[in-house]
Amino acid sequence: RNTAVRLELDADASWTVGCDVPLVDQDGDGADDCPAAIQAR
């Protein structure tokens, strides 16, 4: 994505990967361009 992406670790060993600065849908395709949560465990 050529942008800052963060892995946030929680106390219960779960984690979330998401954009450090989330971007909403700017190209009109109905999906956030850089979501706050790309994947979570």
Full PDB file with SEQRES, HELIX, SHEET, SSBOND, CRYST1, ORIGX, SCALE, CONECT and MASTER records, all heavy atoms in Angstrom:
SEQRES   1 A   41  ARG ASN THR ALA VAL ARG LEU GLU LEU ASP ALA ASP ALA          
SEQRES   2 A   41  SER TRP THR VAL GLY CYS ASP VAL PRO LEU VAL ASP GLN          
SEQRES   3 A   41  ASP GLY ASP GLY ALA ASP ASP CYS PRO ALA ALA ILE GLN          
SEQRES   4 A   41  ALA ARG                                                      
SHEET    1 AA1 3 VAL A   5  LEU A   9  0                                        
SHEET    2 AA1 3 TRP A  15  CYS A  19 -1                                        
SHEET    3 AA1 3 GLN A  39  ALA A  40 -1                                        
SSBOND   1 CYS A   19    CYS A   34                          1555   1555  1.57  
CRYST1    1.000    1.000    1.000  90.00  90.00  90.00 P 1           1          
ORIGX1      1.000000  0.000000  0.000000        0.00000                         
ORIGX2      0.000000  1.000000  0.000000        0.00000                         
ORIGX3      0.000000  0.000000  1.000000        0.00000                         
SCALE1      1.000000  0.000000  0.000000        0.00000                         
SCALE2      0.000000  1.000000  0.000000        0.00000                         
SCALE3      0.000000  0.000000  1.000000        0.00000                         
ATOM      1  N   ARG A   1       0.819  -1.219   0.000  1.00  0.00           N  
ATOM      2  CA  ARG A   1       0.000   0.000   0.000  1.00  0.00           C  
ATOM      3  C   ARG A   1       0.855   1.272   0.000  1.00  0.00           C  
ATOM      4  O   ARG A   1       0.322   2.357  -0.131  1.00  0.00           O  
ATOM      5  CB  ARG A   1      -0.918   0.012   1.221  1.00  0.00           C  
ATOM      6  CG  ARG A   1      -1.924  -1.120   1.242  1.00  0.00           C  
ATOM      7  CD  ARG A   1      -2.646  -1.182   2.581  1.00  0.00           C  
ATOM      8  NE  ARG A   1      -3.534  -2.310   2.670  1.00  0.00           N  
ATOM      9  CZ  ARG A   1      -4.813  -2.303   2.300  1.00  0.00           C  
ATOM     10  NH1 ARG A   1      -5.349  -1.196   1.820  1.00  0.00           N  
ATOM     11  NH2 ARG A   1      -5.551  -3.383   2.418  1.00  0.00           N  
ATOM     12  N   ASN A   2       2.165   1.108   0.216  1.00  0.00           N  
ATOM     13  CA  ASN A   2       3.092   2.243   0.307  1.00  0.00           C  
ATOM     14  C   ASN A   2       2.628   3.259   1.348  1.00  0.00           C  
ATOM     15  O   ASN A   2       2.589   4.467   1.111  1.00  0.00           O  
ATOM     16  CB  ASN A   2       3.281   2.920  -1.059  1.00  0.00           C  
ATOM     17  CG  ASN A   2       4.492   3.840  -1.051  1.00  0.00           C  
ATOM     18  OD1 ASN A   2       5.419   3.661  -0.270  1.00  0.00           O  
ATOM     19  ND2 ASN A   2       4.477   4.842  -1.916  1.00  0.00           N  
ATOM     20  N   THR A   3       2.262   2.728   2.502  1.00  0.00           N  
ATOM     21  CA  THR A   3       1.824   3.568   3.616  1.00  0.00           C  
ATOM     22  C   THR A   3       2.153   2.869   4.926  1.00  0.00           C  
ATOM     23  O   THR A   3       2.515   1.692   4.933  1.00  0.00           O  
ATOM     24  CB  THR A   3       0.313   3.874   3.521  1.00  0.00           C  
ATOM     25  OG1 THR A   3      -0.029   4.868   4.481  1.00  0.00           O  
ATOM     26  CG2 THR A   3      -0.533   2.634   3.763  1.00  0.00           C  
ATOM     27  N   ALA A   4       2.034   3.574   6.023  1.00  0.00           N  
ATOM     28  CA  ALA A   4       2.347   3.006   7.338  1.00  0.00           C  
ATOM     29  C   ALA A   4       1.250   2.037   7.781  1.00  0.00           C  
ATOM     30  O   ALA A   4       0.069   2.384   7.781  1.00  0.00           O  
ATOM     31  CB  ALA A   4       2.514   4.120   8.355  1.00  0.00           C  
ATOM     32  N   VAL A   5       1.656   0.837   8.152  1.00  0.00           N  
ATOM     33  CA  VAL A   5       0.725  -0.186   8.635  1.00  0.00           C  
ATOM     34  C   VAL A   5       1.212  -0.656   9.995  1.00  0.00           C  
ATOM     35  O   VAL A   5       2.397  -0.884  10.208  1.00  0.00           O  
ATOM     36  CB  VAL A   5       0.627  -1.369   7.646  1.00  0.00           C  
ATOM     37  CG1 VAL A   5      -0.230  -2.491   8.226  1.00  0.00           C  
ATOM     38  CG2 VAL A   5       0.053  -0.911   6.320  1.00  0.00           C  
ATOM     39  N   ARG A   6       0.270  -0.800  10.920  1.00  0.00           N  
ATOM     40  CA  ARG A   6       0.579  -1.099  12.316  1.00  0.00           C  
ATOM     41  C   ARG A   6       0.098  -2.480  12.707  1.00  0.00           C  
ATOM     42  O   ARG A   6      -0.969  -2.927  12.282  1.00  0.00           O  
ATOM     43  CB  ARG A   6      -0.111  -0.032  13.167  1.00  0.00           C  
ATOM     44  CG  ARG A   6      -0.452  -0.396  14.578  1.00  0.00           C  
ATOM     45  CD  ARG A   6      -1.347   0.656  15.235  1.00  0.00           C  
ATOM     46  NE  ARG A   6      -0.754   1.964  15.209  1.00  0.00           N  
ATOM     47  CZ  ARG A   6      -0.026   2.488  16.197  1.00  0.00           C  
ATOM     48  NH1 ARG A   6       0.173   1.796  17.305  1.00  0.00           N  
ATOM     49  NH2 ARG A   6       0.466   3.690  16.109  1.00  0.00           N  
ATOM     50  N   LEU A   7       0.898  -3.167  13.532  1.00  0.00           N  
ATOM     51  CA  LEU A   7       0.435  -4.364  14.231  1.00  0.00           C  
ATOM     52  C   LEU A   7       0.273  -3.979  15.686  1.00  0.00           C  
ATOM     53  O   LEU A   7       1.226  -3.553  16.328  1.00  0.00           O  
ATOM     54  CB  LEU A   7       1.414  -5.537  14.120  1.00  0.00           C  
ATOM     55  CG  LEU A   7       0.924  -6.781  14.883  1.00  0.00           C  
ATOM     56  CD1 LEU A   7       1.022  -8.024  14.030  1.00  0.00           C  
ATOM     57  CD2 LEU A   7       1.666  -6.984  16.183  1.00  0.00           C  
ATOM     58  N   GLU A   8      -0.942  -4.100  16.183  1.00  0.00           N  
ATOM     59  CA  GLU A   8      -1.263  -3.782  17.584  1.00  0.00           C  
ATOM     60  C   GLU A   8      -1.489  -5.086  18.331  1.00  0.00           C  
ATOM     61  O   GLU A   8      -2.358  -5.879  17.973  1.00  0.00           O  
ATOM     62  CB  GLU A   8      -2.514  -2.911  17.639  1.00  0.00           C  
ATOM     63  CG  GLU A   8      -2.845  -2.389  19.022  1.00  0.00           C  
ATOM     64  CD  GLU A   8      -1.953  -1.216  19.429  1.00  0.00           C  
ATOM     65  OE1 GLU A   8      -1.637  -0.368  18.590  1.00  0.00           O  
ATOM     66  OE2 GLU A   8      -1.594  -1.179  20.623  1.00  0.00           O  
ATOM     67  N   LEU A   9      -0.698  -5.305  19.379  1.00  0.00           N  
ATOM     68  CA  LEU A   9      -0.788  -6.519  20.185  1.00  0.00           C  
ATOM     69  C   LEU A   9      -1.597  -6.229  21.436  1.00  0.00           C  
ATOM     70  O   LEU A   9      -1.339  -5.258  22.138  1.00  0.00           O  
ATOM     71  CB  LEU A   9       0.627  -6.979  20.550  1.00  0.00           C  
ATOM     72  CG  LEU A   9       0.758  -8.238  21.389  1.00  0.00           C  
ATOM     73  CD1 LEU A   9       0.310  -9.460  20.597  1.00  0.00           C  
ATOM     74  CD2 LEU A   9       2.189  -8.412  21.841  1.00  0.00           C  
ATOM     75  N   ASP A  10      -2.580  -7.086  21.714  1.00  0.00           N  
ATOM     76  CA  ASP A  10      -3.394  -6.927  22.916  1.00  0.00           C  
ATOM     77  C   ASP A  10      -2.869  -7.813  24.036  1.00  0.00           C  
ATOM     78  O   ASP A  10      -2.088  -8.736  23.812  1.00  0.00           O  
ATOM     79  CB  ASP A  10      -4.859  -7.260  22.621  1.00  0.00           C  
ATOM     80  CG  ASP A  10      -5.492  -6.256  21.666  1.00  0.00           C  
ATOM     81  OD1 ASP A  10      -5.139  -5.065  21.748  1.00  0.00           O  
ATOM     82  OD2 ASP A  10      -6.323  -6.669  20.838  1.00  0.00           O  
ATOM     83  N   ALA A  11      -3.334  -7.553  25.243  1.00  0.00           N  
ATOM     84  CA  ALA A  11      -2.855  -8.289  26.419  1.00  0.00           C  
ATOM     85  C   ALA A  11      -3.193  -9.771  26.363  1.00  0.00           C  
ATOM     86  O   ALA A  11      -2.496 -10.590  26.953  1.00  0.00           O  
ATOM     87  CB  ALA A  11      -3.444  -7.673  27.685  1.00  0.00           C  
ATOM     88  N   ASP A  12      -4.245 -10.153  25.646  1.00  0.00           N  
ATOM     89  CA  ASP A  12      -4.647 -11.561  25.579  1.00  0.00           C  
ATOM     90  C   ASP A  12      -4.000 -12.308  24.418  1.00  0.00           C  
ATOM     91  O   ASP A  12      -4.467 -13.360  24.008  1.00  0.00           O  
ATOM     92  CB  ASP A  12      -6.169 -11.667  25.496  1.00  0.00           C  
ATOM     93  CG  ASP A  12      -6.735 -10.940  24.277  1.00  0.00           C  
ATOM     94  OD1 ASP A  12      -5.935 -10.384  23.478  1.00  0.00           O  
ATOM     95  OD2 ASP A  12      -7.961 -10.919  24.119  1.00  0.00           O  
ATOM     96  N   ALA A  13      -2.921 -11.761  23.852  1.00  0.00           N  
ATOM     97  CA  ALA A  13      -2.148 -12.353  22.749  1.00  0.00           C  
ATOM     98  C   ALA A  13      -2.867 -12.262  21.409  1.00  0.00           C  
ATOM     99  O   ALA A  13      -2.409 -12.830  20.429  1.00  0.00           O  
ATOM    100  CB  ALA A  13      -1.748 -13.798  23.040  1.00  0.00           C  
ATOM    101  N   SER A  14      -3.988 -11.544  21.337  1.00  0.00           N  
ATOM    102  CA  SER A  14      -4.617 -11.296  20.047  1.00  0.00           C  
ATOM    103  C   SER A  14      -3.928 -10.101  19.399  1.00  0.00           C  
ATOM    104  O   SER A  14      -3.262  -9.319  20.075  1.00  0.00           O  
ATOM    105  CB  SER A  14      -6.112 -11.024  20.221  1.00  0.00           C  
ATOM    106  OG  SER A  14      -6.314  -9.851  20.978  1.00  0.00           O  
ATOM    107  N   TRP A  15      -4.058  -9.954  18.098  1.00  0.00           N  
ATOM    108  CA  TRP A  15      -3.452  -8.817  17.414  1.00  0.00           C  
ATOM    109  C   TRP A  15      -4.326  -8.338  16.274  1.00  0.00           C  
ATOM    110  O   TRP A  15      -5.187  -9.074  15.780  1.00  0.00           O  
ATOM    111  CB  TRP A  15      -2.042  -9.146  16.905  1.00  0.00           C  
ATOM    112  CG  TRP A  15      -1.894 -10.388  16.079  1.00  0.00           C  
ATOM    113  CD1 TRP A  15      -1.404 -11.580  16.502  1.00  0.00           C  
ATOM    114  CD2 TRP A  15      -2.233 -10.580  14.702  1.00  0.00           C  
ATOM    115  NE1 TRP A  15      -1.410 -12.487  15.475  1.00  0.00           N  
ATOM    116  CE2 TRP A  15      -1.902 -11.907  14.359  1.00  0.00           C  
ATOM    117  CE3 TRP A  15      -2.786  -9.763  13.720  1.00  0.00           C  
ATOM    118  CZ2 TRP A  15      -2.111 -12.435  13.077  1.00  0.00           C  
ATOM    119  CZ3 TRP A  15      -2.991 -10.281  12.434  1.00  0.00           C  
ATOM    120  CH2 TRP A  15      -2.650 -11.592  12.141  1.00  0.00           C  
ATOM    121  N   THR A  16      -4.090  -7.087  15.873  1.00  0.00           N  
ATOM    122  CA  THR A  16      -4.797  -6.482  14.749  1.00  0.00           C  
ATOM    123  C   THR A  16      -3.781  -5.790  13.859  1.00  0.00           C  
ATOM    124  O   THR A  16      -2.925  -5.054  14.346  1.00  0.00           O  
ATOM    125  CB  THR A  16      -5.836  -5.457  15.232  1.00  0.00           C  
ATOM    126  OG1 THR A  16      -6.743  -6.106  16.124  1.00  0.00           O  
ATOM    127  CG2 THR A  16      -6.618  -4.862  14.073  1.00  0.00           C  
ATOM    128  N   VAL A  17      -3.876  -6.043  12.564  1.00  0.00           N  
ATOM    129  CA  VAL A  17      -3.051  -5.352  11.572  1.00  0.00           C  
ATOM    130  C   VAL A  17      -3.958  -4.374  10.838  1.00  0.00           C  
ATOM    131  O   VAL A  17      -5.021  -4.756  10.345  1.00  0.00           O  
ATOM    132  CB  VAL A  17      -2.413  -6.346  10.574  1.00  0.00           C  
ATOM    133  CG1 VAL A  17      -1.767  -5.606   9.412  1.00  0.00           C  
ATOM    134  CG2 VAL A  17      -1.403  -7.223  11.276  1.00  0.00           C  
ATOM    135  N   GLY A  18      -3.541  -3.111  10.804  1.00  0.00           N  
ATOM    136  CA  GLY A  18      -4.338  -2.098  10.116  1.00  0.00           C  
ATOM    137  C   GLY A  18      -3.495  -0.888   9.788  1.00  0.00           C  
ATOM    138  O   GLY A  18      -2.366  -0.741  10.259  1.00  0.00           O  
ATOM    139  N   CYS A  19      -4.056  -0.017   8.964  1.00  0.00           N  
ATOM    140  CA  CYS A  19      -3.338   1.187   8.567  1.00  0.00           C  
ATOM    141  C   CYS A  19      -3.165   2.110   9.764  1.00  0.00           C  
ATOM    142  O   CYS A  19      -4.075   2.267  10.578  1.00  0.00           O  
ATOM    143  CB  CYS A  19      -4.080   1.888   7.441  1.00  0.00           C  
ATOM    144  SG  CYS A  19      -4.106   0.909   5.933  1.00  0.00           S  
ATOM    145  N   ASP A  20      -1.984   2.701   9.857  1.00  0.00           N  
ATOM    146  CA  ASP A  20      -1.697   3.601  10.968  1.00  0.00           C  
ATOM    147  C   ASP A  20      -2.598   4.834  10.884  1.00  0.00           C  
ATOM    148  O   ASP A  20      -3.066   5.340  11.901  1.00  0.00           O  
ATOM    149  CB  ASP A  20      -0.215   3.998  10.942  1.00  0.00           C  
ATOM    150  CG  ASP A  20       0.249   4.587  12.254  1.00  0.00           C  
ATOM    151  OD1 ASP A  20      -0.234   4.125  13.311  1.00  0.00           O  
ATOM    152  OD2 ASP A  20       1.084   5.502  12.227  1.00  0.00           O  
ATOM    153  N   VAL A  21      -2.827   5.320   9.675  1.00  0.00           N  
ATOM    154  CA  VAL A  21      -3.767   6.424   9.439  1.00  0.00           C  
ATOM    155  C   VAL A  21      -4.801   5.888   8.449  1.00  0.00           C  
ATOM    156  O   VAL A  21      -4.555   5.880   7.239  1.00  0.00           O  
ATOM    157  CB  VAL A  21      -3.051   7.664   8.869  1.00  0.00           C  
ATOM    158  CG1 VAL A  21      -4.055   8.774   8.618  1.00  0.00           C  
ATOM    159  CG2 VAL A  21      -1.942   8.128   9.793  1.00  0.00           C  
ATOM    160  N   PRO A  22      -5.951   5.423   8.953  1.00  0.00           N  
ATOM    161  CA  PRO A  22      -6.955   4.825   8.058  1.00  0.00           C  
ATOM    162  C   PRO A  22      -7.463   5.831   7.021  1.00  0.00           C  
ATOM    163  O   PRO A  22      -7.620   7.017   7.309  1.00  0.00           O  
ATOM    164  CB  PRO A  22      -8.079   4.415   9.008  1.00  0.00           C  
ATOM    165  CG  PRO A  22      -7.442   4.330  10.349  1.00  0.00           C  
ATOM    166  CD  PRO A  22      -6.353   5.351  10.351  1.00  0.00           C  
ATOM    167  N   LEU A  23      -7.694   5.329   5.797  1.00  0.00           N  
ATOM    168  CA  LEU A  23      -8.247   6.145   4.721  1.00  0.00           C  
ATOM    169  C   LEU A  23      -9.575   5.559   4.306  1.00  0.00           C  
ATOM    170  O   LEU A  23      -9.671   4.368   4.003  1.00  0.00           O  
ATOM    171  CB  LEU A  23      -7.305   6.168   3.509  1.00  0.00           C  
ATOM    172  CG  LEU A  23      -5.957   6.856   3.684  1.00  0.00           C  
ATOM    173  CD1 LEU A  23      -5.110   6.671   2.436  1.00  0.00           C  
ATOM    174  CD2 LEU A  23      -6.153   8.332   3.980  1.00  0.00           C  
ATOM    175  N   VAL A  24     -10.599   6.407   4.261  1.00  0.00           N  
ATOM    176  CA  VAL A  24     -11.918   5.954   3.831  1.00  0.00           C  
ATOM    177  C   VAL A  24     -11.919   5.787   2.315  1.00  0.00           C  
ATOM    178  O   VAL A  24     -10.936   6.092   1.643  1.00  0.00           O  
ATOM    179  CB  VAL A  24     -13.022   6.944   4.275  1.00  0.00           C  
ATOM    180  CG1 VAL A  24     -13.114   6.986   5.781  1.00  0.00           C  
ATOM    181  CG2 VAL A  24     -12.754   8.322   3.711  1.00  0.00           C  
ATOM    182  N   ASP A  25     -13.027   5.332   1.780  1.00  0.00           N  
ATOM    183  CA  ASP A  25     -13.156   5.089   0.351  1.00  0.00           C  
ATOM    184  C   ASP A  25     -13.022   6.397  -0.422  1.00  0.00           C  
ATOM    185  O   ASP A  25     -13.889   7.248  -0.362  1.00  0.00           O  
ATOM    186  CB  ASP A  25     -14.511   4.428   0.077  1.00  0.00           C  
ATOM    187  CG  ASP A  25     -14.702   4.089  -1.382  1.00  0.00           C  
ATOM    188  OD1 ASP A  25     -13.693   4.048  -2.109  1.00  0.00           O  
ATOM    189  OD2 ASP A  25     -15.850   3.859  -1.790  1.00  0.00           O  
ATOM    190  N   GLN A  26     -11.909   6.548  -1.149  1.00  0.00           N  
ATOM    191  CA  GLN A  26     -11.698   7.755  -1.942  1.00  0.00           C  
ATOM    192  C   GLN A  26     -11.850   7.504  -3.430  1.00  0.00           C  
ATOM    193  O   GLN A  26     -12.019   8.446  -4.200  1.00  0.00           O  
ATOM    194  CB  GLN A  26     -10.298   8.329  -1.659  1.00  0.00           C  
ATOM    195  CG  GLN A  26     -10.152   8.788  -0.218  1.00  0.00           C  
ATOM    196  CD  GLN A  26      -8.755   9.284   0.086  1.00  0.00           C  
ATOM    197  OE1 GLN A  26      -7.799   8.959  -0.596  1.00  0.00           O  
ATOM    198  NE2 GLN A  26      -8.642  10.083   1.144  1.00  0.00           N  
ATOM    199  N   ASP A  27     -11.796   6.247  -3.855  1.00  0.00           N  
ATOM    200  CA  ASP A  27     -11.913   5.962  -5.280  1.00  0.00           C  
ATOM    201  C   ASP A  27     -13.305   5.478  -5.673  1.00  0.00           C  
ATOM    202  O   ASP A  27     -13.552   5.133  -6.821  1.00  0.00           O  
ATOM    203  CB  ASP A  27     -10.862   4.937  -5.717  1.00  0.00           C  
ATOM    204  CG  ASP A  27     -10.902   3.668  -4.889  1.00  0.00           C  
ATOM    205  OD1 ASP A  27     -11.850   3.496  -4.094  1.00  0.00           O  
ATOM    206  OD2 ASP A  27      -9.979   2.847  -5.036  1.00  0.00           O  
ATOM    207  N   GLY A  28     -14.240   5.450  -4.709  1.00  0.00           N  
ATOM    208  CA  GLY A  28     -15.634   5.142  -5.000  1.00  0.00           C  
ATOM    209  C   GLY A  28     -15.937   3.682  -5.273  1.00  0.00           C  
ATOM    210  O   GLY A  28     -16.977   3.364  -5.840  1.00  0.00           O  
ATOM    211  N   ASP A  29     -15.057   2.760  -4.849  1.00  0.00           N  
ATOM    212  CA  ASP A  29     -15.325   1.340  -5.102  1.00  0.00           C  
ATOM    213  C   ASP A  29     -16.095   0.666  -3.966  1.00  0.00           C  
ATOM    214  O   ASP A  29     -16.363  -0.522  -3.999  1.00  0.00           O  
ATOM    215  CB  ASP A  29     -14.027   0.581  -5.379  1.00  0.00           C  
ATOM    216  CG  ASP A  29     -13.088   0.551  -4.179  1.00  0.00           C  
ATOM    217  OD1 ASP A  29     -13.387   1.224  -3.170  1.00  0.00           O  
ATOM    218  OD2 ASP A  29     -12.061  -0.148  -4.251  1.00  0.00           O  
ATOM    219  N   GLY A  30     -16.430   1.421  -2.928  1.00  0.00           N  
ATOM    220  CA  GLY A  30     -17.219   0.890  -1.824  1.00  0.00           C  
ATOM    221  C   GLY A  30     -16.412   0.285  -0.697  1.00  0.00           C  
ATOM    222  O   GLY A  30     -16.977  -0.200   0.280  1.00  0.00           O  
ATOM    223  N   ALA A  31     -15.093   0.275  -0.816  1.00  0.00           N  
ATOM    224  CA  ALA A  31     -14.232  -0.274   0.241  1.00  0.00           C  
ATOM    225  C   ALA A  31     -13.244   0.797   0.684  1.00  0.00           C  
ATOM    226  O   ALA A  31     -12.784   1.599  -0.128  1.00  0.00           O  
ATOM    227  CB  ALA A  31     -13.480  -1.495  -0.268  1.00  0.00           C  
ATOM    228  N   ASP A  32     -12.933   0.780   1.995  1.00  0.00           N  
ATOM    229  CA  ASP A  32     -11.948   1.734   2.496  1.00  0.00           C  
ATOM    230  C   ASP A  32     -10.616   1.484   1.796  1.00  0.00           C  
ATOM    231  O   ASP A  32     -10.192   0.346   1.623  1.00  0.00           O  
ATOM    232  CB  ASP A  32     -11.774   1.578   4.007  1.00  0.00           C  
ATOM    233  CG  ASP A  32     -12.980   2.102   4.777  1.00  0.00           C  
ATOM    234  OD1 ASP A  32     -13.819   2.780   4.163  1.00  0.00           O  
ATOM    235  OD2 ASP A  32     -13.071   1.821   5.989  1.00  0.00           O  
ATOM    236  N   ASP A  33      -9.948   2.565   1.422  1.00  0.00           N  
ATOM    237  CA  ASP A  33      -8.666   2.431   0.729  1.00  0.00           C  
ATOM    238  C   ASP A  33      -7.579   1.901   1.658  1.00  0.00           C  
ATOM    239  O   ASP A  33      -6.678   1.200   1.217  1.00  0.00           O  
ATOM    240  CB  ASP A  33      -8.248   3.777   0.127  1.00  0.00           C  
ATOM    241  CG  ASP A  33      -9.164   4.166  -1.026  1.00  0.00           C  
ATOM    242  OD1 ASP A  33      -9.755   3.266  -1.636  1.00  0.00           O  
ATOM    243  OD2 ASP A  33      -9.291   5.368  -1.309  1.00  0.00           O  
ATOM    244  N   CYS A  34      -7.646   2.259   2.907  1.00  0.00           N  
ATOM    245  CA  CYS A  34      -6.691   1.735   3.887  1.00  0.00           C  
ATOM    246  C   CYS A  34      -7.432   1.590   5.217  1.00  0.00           C  
ATOM    247  O   CYS A  34      -7.521   2.535   6.001  1.00  0.00           O  
ATOM    248  CB  CYS A  34      -5.488   2.679   4.006  1.00  0.00           C  
ATOM    249  SG  CYS A  34      -4.036   1.878   4.704  1.00  0.00           S  
ATOM    250  N   PRO A  35      -7.987   0.413   5.483  1.00  0.00           N  
ATOM    251  CA  PRO A  35      -8.815   0.235   6.679  1.00  0.00           C  
ATOM    252  C   PRO A  35      -8.004   0.175   7.970  1.00  0.00           C  
ATOM    253  O   PRO A  35      -6.824  -0.147   7.970  1.00  0.00           O  
ATOM    254  CB  PRO A  35      -9.532  -1.092   6.423  1.00  0.00           C  
ATOM    255  CG  PRO A  35      -8.644  -1.830   5.496  1.00  0.00           C  
ATOM    256  CD  PRO A  35      -7.938  -0.794   4.661  1.00  0.00           C  
ATOM    257  N   ALA A  36      -8.689   0.499   9.064  1.00  0.00           N  
ATOM    258  CA  ALA A  36      -8.052   0.441  10.384  1.00  0.00           C  
ATOM    259  C   ALA A  36      -7.775  -0.997  10.802  1.00  0.00           C  
ATOM    260  O   ALA A  36      -6.896  -1.250  11.619  1.00  0.00           O  
ATOM    261  CB  ALA A  36      -8.934   1.124  11.420  1.00  0.00           C  
ATOM    262  N   ALA A  37      -8.517  -1.946  10.253  1.00  0.00           N  
ATOM    263  CA  ALA A  37      -8.302  -3.362  10.554  1.00  0.00           C  
ATOM    264  C   ALA A  37      -8.278  -4.143   9.250  1.00  0.00           C  
ATOM    265  O   ALA A  37      -9.319  -4.412   8.665  1.00  0.00           O  
ATOM    266  CB  ALA A  37      -9.391  -3.892  11.476  1.00  0.00           C  
ATOM    267  N   ILE A  38      -7.069  -4.471   8.793  1.00  0.00           N  
ATOM    268  CA  ILE A  38      -6.916  -5.276   7.583  1.00  0.00           C  
ATOM    269  C   ILE A  38      -7.153  -6.742   7.918  1.00  0.00           C  
ATOM    270  O   ILE A  38      -7.842  -7.457   7.209  1.00  0.00           O  
ATOM    271  CB  ILE A  38      -5.505  -5.077   6.986  1.00  0.00           C  
ATOM    272  CG1 ILE A  38      -5.328  -3.623   6.548  1.00  0.00           C  
ATOM    273  CG2 ILE A  38      -5.266  -6.031   5.827  1.00  0.00           C  
ATOM    274  CD1 ILE A  38      -3.915  -3.250   6.184  1.00  0.00           C  
ATOM    275  N   GLN A  39      -6.554  -7.177   9.016  1.00  0.00           N  
ATOM    276  CA  GLN A  39      -6.742  -8.550   9.495  1.00  0.00           C  
ATOM    277  C   GLN A  39      -6.538  -8.571  10.999  1.00  0.00           C  
ATOM    278  O   GLN A  39      -5.734  -7.803  11.528  1.00  0.00           O  
ATOM    279  CB  GLN A  39      -5.762  -9.501   8.811  1.00  0.00           C  
ATOM    280  CG  GLN A  39      -5.998 -10.960   9.153  1.00  0.00           C  
ATOM    281  CD  GLN A  39      -5.102 -11.899   8.345  1.00  0.00           C  
ATOM    282  OE1 GLN A  39      -4.599 -11.543   7.299  1.00  0.00           O  
ATOM    283  NE2 GLN A  39      -4.902 -13.095   8.852  1.00  0.00           N  
ATOM    284  N   ALA A  40      -7.261  -9.459  11.668  1.00  0.00           N  
ATOM    285  CA  ALA A  40      -7.131  -9.583  13.123  1.00  0.00           C  
ATOM    286  C   ALA A  40      -7.106 -11.050  13.508  1.00  0.00           C  
ATOM    287  O   ALA A  40      -7.682 -11.895  12.826  1.00  0.00           O  
ATOM    288  CB  ALA A  40      -8.281  -8.875  13.823  1.00  0.00           C  
ATOM    289  N   ARG A  41      -6.414 -11.326  14.587  1.00  0.00           N  
ATOM    290  CA  ARG A  41      -6.412 -12.673  15.159  1.00  0.00           C  
ATOM    291  C   ARG A  41      -7.011 -12.584  16.541  1.00  0.00           C  
ATOM    292  O   ARG A  41      -6.454 -11.931  17.422  1.00  0.00           O  
ATOM    293  CB  ARG A  41      -4.999 -13.234  15.255  1.00  0.00           C  
ATOM    294  CG  ARG A  41      -4.993 -14.642  15.850  1.00  0.00           C  
ATOM    295  CD  ARG A  41      -3.600 -15.016  16.300  1.00  0.00           C  
ATOM    296  NE  ARG A  41      -3.515 -16.399  16.662  1.00  0.00           N  
ATOM    297  CZ  ARG A  41      -3.680 -16.857  17.907  1.00  0.00           C  
ATOM    298  NH1 ARG A  41      -3.961 -16.035  18.882  1.00  0.00           N  
ATOM    299  NH2 ARG A  41      -3.567 -18.137  18.166  1.00  0.00           N  
TER     300      ARG A  41                                                      
CONECT  144  249                                                                
CONECT  249  144                                                                
MASTER        0    0    0    0    3    0    0    6  299    1    2    4          
END                                                                             
